[in-house]
Amino acid sequence: MSTDEEPDVFDPETATLSETLAWNFFFWRRLVPRAQEILKRTVLLAAWTAANTAFHGWAEVEGAEGFGALGYAGVWSAGAALTGVVLGWVGGAFTF
């Protein structure tokens, strides 16, 4: 990163193949630090929500099956991920 609020600049004319692949597939470097932090927190929240909801749904709800608990957890995890994306968008960290 060149500064705290500007992502790296990519020059396709001088880039090597490995630099081009890294730029295209590893978008993390292109994000501003604020967006990186929001993304890290959102992934952590969604993963924890999915794991916690699936485990408790499967272990504590009588008659619940594993796939049903995972499906229910996926709904809550998707909601957490959507909340993080909207937070980044409203806060100006993500530009769509």
Protein backbone atom coordinates (compact mmCIF):
# COMPACT_ATOMS: atom_id res chain seq x y z
CA MET A 1 0.00 0.00 0.00
CA SER A 2 1.26 3.43 -0.85
CA THR A 3 -0.82 5.31 1.72
CA ASP A 4 -3.43 4.42 4.29
CA GLU A 5 -6.35 5.35 2.07
CA GLU A 6 -5.15 4.43 -1.43
CA PRO A 7 -4.86 0.87 -2.76
CA ASP A 8 -1.88 -0.27 -4.83
CA VAL A 9 -1.78 0.76 -8.47
CA PHE A 10 -1.48 -1.97 -11.09
CA ASP A 11 0.28 -1.34 -14.40
CA PRO A 12 -0.59 -4.14 -16.86
CA GLU A 13 2.08 -3.05 -19.35
CA THR A 14 5.00 -3.71 -16.98
CA ALA A 15 3.49 -6.50 -14.88
CA THR A 16 4.75 -10.05 -15.05
CA LEU A 17 2.42 -13.02 -15.34
CA SER A 18 2.64 -13.77 -11.62
CA GLU A 19 1.89 -10.13 -10.75
CA THR A 20 -1.11 -10.16 -13.09
CA LEU A 21 -2.48 -13.37 -11.56
CA ALA A 22 -1.92 -12.05 -8.04
CA TRP A 23 -3.72 -8.81 -8.92
CA ASN A 24 -6.68 -10.64 -10.46
CA PHE A 25 -7.14 -13.36 -7.84
CA PHE A 26 -5.90 -11.79 -4.60
CA PHE A 27 -8.04 -8.70 -4.35
CA TRP A 28 -7.04 -8.16 -0.72
CA ARG A 29 -4.17 -5.81 -1.66
CA ARG A 30 -6.49 -3.54 -3.60
CA LEU A 31 -8.72 -2.80 -0.62
CA VAL A 32 -8.20 0.21 1.58
CA PRO A 33 -7.35 -0.67 5.21
CA ARG A 34 -10.85 0.23 6.38
CA ALA A 35 -12.40 -2.21 3.90
CA GLN A 36 -9.89 -4.90 4.90
CA GLU A 37 -10.91 -4.57 8.55
CA ILE A 38 -14.62 -4.69 7.75
CA LEU A 39 -14.08 -7.75 5.56
CA LYS A 40 -12.05 -9.56 8.24
CA ARG A 41 -14.70 -8.88 10.87
CA THR A 42 -17.53 -9.89 8.54
CA VAL A 43 -15.88 -13.21 7.63
CA LEU A 44 -15.21 -13.94 11.30
CA LEU A 45 -18.78 -13.08 12.29
CA ALA A 46 -20.32 -15.15 9.48
CA ALA A 47 -18.10 -18.18 10.20
CA TRP A 48 -18.73 -18.04 13.94
CA THR A 49 -22.47 -17.62 13.40
CA ALA A 50 -22.57 -20.61 11.04
CA ALA A 51 -20.55 -22.86 13.33
CA ASN A 52 -22.43 -21.89 16.47
CA THR A 53 -25.90 -22.11 14.92
CA ALA A 54 -25.18 -25.44 13.21
CA PHE A 55 -23.76 -27.01 16.34
CA HIS A 56 -26.53 -25.84 18.63
CA GLY A 57 -29.24 -26.67 16.12
CA TRP A 58 -27.91 -30.18 15.66
CA ALA A 59 -27.04 -30.86 19.32
CA GLU A 60 -29.93 -29.25 21.15
CA VAL A 61 -32.98 -29.46 18.91
CA GLU A 62 -34.59 -32.85 19.27
CA GLY A 63 -34.99 -34.61 15.93
CA ALA A 64 -32.82 -32.14 14.00
CA GLU A 65 -30.59 -33.55 11.28
CA GLY A 66 -27.12 -32.30 10.42
CA PHE A 67 -28.05 -31.05 6.94
CA GLY A 68 -31.05 -29.18 8.30
CA ALA A 69 -28.92 -27.53 10.95
CA LEU A 70 -26.35 -26.54 8.31
CA GLY A 71 -29.08 -25.08 6.10
CA TYR A 72 -30.52 -23.08 8.99
CA ALA A 73 -27.02 -21.90 9.92
CA GLY A 74 -26.39 -20.89 6.31
CA VAL A 75 -29.36 -18.54 6.39
CA TRP A 76 -28.05 -16.78 9.50
CA SER A 77 -24.51 -16.71 8.13
CA ALA A 78 -25.69 -15.17 4.86
CA GLY A 79 -27.53 -12.54 6.87
CA ALA A 80 -24.36 -11.71 8.79
CA ALA A 81 -22.37 -11.48 5.54
CA LEU A 82 -24.97 -9.24 3.94
CA THR A 83 -24.93 -6.99 7.01
CA GLY A 84 -21.14 -6.63 6.72
CA VAL A 85 -21.33 -5.78 3.02
CA VAL A 86 -24.02 -3.17 3.63
CA LEU A 87 -21.99 -1.72 6.50
CA GLY A 88 -18.97 -1.36 4.20
CA TRP A 89 -21.09 0.15 1.44
CA VAL A 90 -22.88 2.67 3.67
CA GLY A 91 -19.63 3.56 5.45
CA GLY A 92 -17.92 4.24 2.14
CA ALA A 93 -15.28 1.51 2.49
CA PHE A 94 -16.56 -0.48 -0.50
CA THR A 95 -17.25 1.14 -3.85
CA PHE A 96 -19.53 -0.82 -6.15
